[in-house]
Amino acid sequence: MGDAKSQHMLTLSNRTKQHSPETYRALQAAEGYVYLDLYREALREVDGIDQADQEDSDVLIARIRILLHLARWGAAARLSARGEELHRDEDEFTVQHAFALHQLERGDEAARVLLDAPEWLRRTGILHYNLGCYEARWGNLVVARQCLQTAIQMNAAMKKNARQDPDLSILWS
């Protein structure tokens, strides 16, 4: 599903929420560690955040992204589901939940997570892109191509990712 650094990078630039200086520093440090592929160090930074902030959406997202880099799919799936419950307005929890389930080869559940997503999220290219990946893995190439075509129409940048995505390689052979 594309380059791991670009897909799962810890970024706070689009966040308007204020964090304590300690939480902000830990999230920034975790982001730096992820950029350097030092995922265990990144996780230690997030673990060190005050317990009262552990269910903050930014902290949960940071932890999930790190877990994904560590290929800890089960933990990422559980934490993403928790994030969906706590922060219904954050689309990343739904996308990462489905991605983790997909990595666990629980594609039916992953597809259900995406198809049960709020309407506004279903209008994004990432949802259709991920469904295309699942369909390709299941061998439903016609449906996979349709999903991918829809995703690219919604976001042309996904075309580059699609060419490099191992889940979609069957479409190019």
Protein backbone atom coordinates (compact mmCIF):
# COMPACT_ATOMS: atom_id res chain seq x y z
CA MET A 1 0.00 0.00 0.00
CA GLY A 2 2.68 2.42 -0.98
CA ASP A 3 5.85 3.55 0.69
CA ALA A 4 5.60 2.93 4.43
CA LYS A 5 7.18 6.25 5.34
CA SER A 6 4.73 8.26 3.31
CA GLN A 7 1.72 6.19 4.30
CA HIS A 8 2.27 5.93 8.03
CA MET A 9 4.39 8.98 8.78
CA LEU A 10 3.58 10.65 12.08
CA THR A 11 2.54 14.17 11.23
CA LEU A 12 1.00 16.79 13.42
CA SER A 13 0.95 19.58 10.84
CA ASN A 14 -2.75 19.20 10.06
CA ARG A 15 -3.72 19.11 13.74
CA THR A 16 -5.05 22.19 15.48
CA LYS A 17 -5.31 20.60 18.91
CA GLN A 18 -3.02 21.87 21.63
CA HIS A 19 -0.98 19.35 23.58
CA SER A 20 1.02 19.80 26.73
CA PRO A 21 4.67 20.60 25.96
CA GLU A 22 5.65 17.11 27.16
CA THR A 23 3.13 15.34 24.92
CA TYR A 24 4.02 17.52 21.95
CA ARG A 25 7.74 16.82 22.47
CA ALA A 26 7.13 13.07 22.73
CA LEU A 27 5.02 13.05 19.56
CA GLN A 28 7.67 15.06 17.71
CA ALA A 29 10.41 12.72 18.95
CA ALA A 30 8.36 9.70 17.89
CA GLU A 31 7.92 11.23 14.45
CA GLY A 32 11.67 11.68 14.15
CA TYR A 33 12.35 8.12 15.22
CA VAL A 34 9.83 6.79 12.69
CA TYR A 35 11.52 8.81 9.97
CA LEU A 36 14.81 7.14 10.93
CA ASP A 37 13.17 3.68 11.01
CA LEU A 38 13.76 3.48 14.79
CA TYR A 39 10.30 2.17 15.63
CA ARG A 40 11.01 0.75 19.06
CA GLU A 41 12.44 4.10 20.15
CA ALA A 42 9.36 5.80 18.72
CA LEU A 43 7.14 3.45 20.71
CA ARG A 44 9.07 4.23 23.90
CA GLU A 45 8.41 7.93 23.35
CA VAL A 46 4.68 7.33 22.96
CA ASP A 47 4.68 4.97 25.96
CA GLY A 48 6.19 7.79 28.03
CA ILE A 49 3.28 10.16 27.38
CA ASP A 50 1.18 10.88 30.45
CA GLN A 51 -1.55 8.27 31.02
CA ALA A 52 -4.24 10.98 30.87
CA ASP A 53 -3.27 11.65 27.22
CA GLN A 54 -2.97 8.03 26.06
CA GLU A 55 -6.45 8.01 24.47
CA ASP A 56 -5.97 11.39 22.79
CA SER A 57 -6.50 10.94 19.04
CA ASP A 58 -2.99 12.12 18.10
CA VAL A 59 -1.39 9.77 20.62
CA LEU A 60 -3.51 6.82 19.48
CA ILE A 61 -2.73 7.54 15.82
CA ALA A 62 0.99 7.79 16.57
CA ARG A 63 0.93 4.47 18.43
CA ILE A 64 -1.06 2.74 15.66
CA ARG A 65 1.33 3.95 12.97
CA ILE A 66 4.29 2.67 14.94
CA LEU A 67 2.59 -0.69 15.53
CA LEU A 68 1.98 -0.94 11.78
CA HIS A 69 5.66 -0.33 11.09
CA LEU A 70 6.50 -3.07 13.60
CA ALA A 71 4.04 -5.40 11.81
CA ARG A 72 2.09 -5.82 15.05
CA TRP A 73 -1.14 -6.16 13.10
CA GLY A 74 -3.34 -7.52 15.91
CA ALA A 75 -2.42 -4.76 18.34
CA ALA A 76 -2.89 -2.15 15.59
CA ALA A 77 -6.32 -3.57 14.70
CA ARG A 78 -7.49 -3.54 18.32
CA LEU A 79 -6.19 -0.03 18.97
CA SER A 80 -7.68 1.30 15.72
CA ALA A 81 -11.07 -0.13 16.67
CA ARG A 82 -10.77 1.62 20.04
CA GLY A 83 -9.88 4.85 18.26
CA GLU A 84 -12.94 4.51 16.03
CA GLU A 85 -15.13 4.25 19.13
CA LEU A 86 -13.53 7.23 20.87
CA HIS A 87 -12.94 9.57 17.92
CA ARG A 88 -15.64 9.06 15.30
CA ASP A 89 -14.55 12.16 13.37
CA GLU A 90 -11.03 10.80 12.71
CA ASP A 91 -11.01 8.85 9.45
CA GLU A 92 -7.53 7.46 9.98
CA PHE A 93 -8.73 5.03 12.63
CA THR A 94 -11.11 3.39 10.17
CA VAL A 95 -8.50 3.20 7.41
CA GLN A 96 -5.79 1.82 9.71
CA HIS A 97 -8.23 -0.64 11.31
CA ALA A 98 -9.09 -2.04 7.89
CA PHE A 99 -5.42 -2.10 6.85
CA ALA A 100 -4.39 -4.03 9.97
CA LEU A 101 -7.20 -6.55 9.45
CA HIS A 102 -6.11 -6.91 5.83
CA GLN A 103 -2.55 -7.66 6.96
CA LEU A 104 -3.97 -10.30 9.32
CA GLU A 105 -5.63 -11.81 6.23
CA ARG A 106 -9.04 -11.01 7.62
CA GLY A 107 -10.09 -9.33 4.39
CA ASP A 108 -13.83 -9.82 4.84
CA GLU A 109 -13.68 -7.96 8.14
CA ALA A 110 -11.46 -5.27 6.62
CA ALA A 111 -13.92 -4.72 3.79
CA ARG A 112 -16.81 -4.53 6.27
CA VAL A 113 -14.95 -1.89 8.29
CA LEU A 114 -14.55 0.24 5.17
CA LEU A 115 -18.07 -0.34 3.88
CA ASP A 116 -19.49 0.58 7.31
CA ALA A 117 -17.45 3.79 7.33
CA PRO A 118 -19.27 7.12 7.51
CA GLU A 119 -20.55 8.44 4.18
CA TRP A 120 -17.98 11.23 4.03
CA LEU A 121 -15.15 8.70 4.30
CA ARG A 122 -16.68 6.52 1.60
CA ARG A 123 -16.28 9.48 -0.75
CA THR A 124 -12.49 9.40 -0.41
CA GLY A 125 -10.11 7.67 -2.73
CA ILE A 126 -8.28 5.79 0.03
CA LEU A 127 -11.35 3.72 0.84
CA HIS A 128 -11.77 2.61 -2.79
CA TYR A 129 -8.02 2.05 -3.11
CA ASN A 130 -7.97 -0.26 -0.09
CA LEU A 131 -11.04 -2.14 -1.31
CA GLY A 132 -9.24 -2.59 -4.63
CA CYS A 133 -6.29 -4.12 -2.78
CA TYR A 134 -8.57 -6.56 -0.96
CA GLU A 135 -10.38 -7.54 -4.14
CA ALA A 136 -7.07 -8.10 -5.94
CA ARG A 137 -5.84 -10.37 -3.14
CA TRP A 138 -9.09 -12.34 -3.36
CA GLY A 139 -8.63 -12.71 -7.13
CA ASN A 140 -11.57 -10.48 -8.08
CA LEU A 141 -9.58 -8.56 -10.66
CA VAL A 142 -12.49 -6.88 -12.45
CA VAL A 143 -13.81 -5.47 -9.17
CA ALA A 144 -10.28 -4.56 -8.08
CA ARG A 145 -9.75 -2.56 -11.28
CA GLN A 146 -13.09 -0.78 -10.81
CA CYS A 147 -12.22 0.15 -7.23
CA LEU A 148 -8.78 1.35 -8.26
CA GLN A 149 -10.17 3.38 -11.16
CA THR A 150 -12.63 5.07 -8.79
CA ALA A 151 -9.83 5.79 -6.29
CA ILE A 152 -7.65 7.36 -8.98
CA GLN A 153 -10.55 9.47 -10.26
CA MET A 154 -10.98 10.80 -6.71
CA ASN A 155 -7.25 11.26 -6.12
CA ALA A 156 -4.88 11.03 -9.08
CA ALA A 157 -1.85 10.68 -6.76
CA MET A 158 -2.97 7.14 -5.96
CA LYS A 159 -1.96 5.98 -9.43
CA LYS A 160 1.73 6.11 -8.47
CA ASN A 161 1.11 4.10 -5.28
CA ALA A 162 -0.92 1.53 -7.19
CA ARG A 163 1.98 0.72 -9.52
CA GLN A 164 4.24 -0.02 -6.53
CA ASP A 165 1.73 -1.77 -4.28
CA PRO A 166 2.40 -5.52 -3.91
CA ASP A 167 -1.31 -6.15 -3.30
CA LEU A 168 -2.05 -4.81 -6.78
CA SER A 169 0.88 -6.36 -8.67
CA ILE A 170 -1.42 -9.01 -10.12
CA LEU A 171 -3.23 -6.25 -12.03
CA TRP A 172 -0.07 -5.31 -13.91
CA SER A 173 1.08 -8.81 -14.87
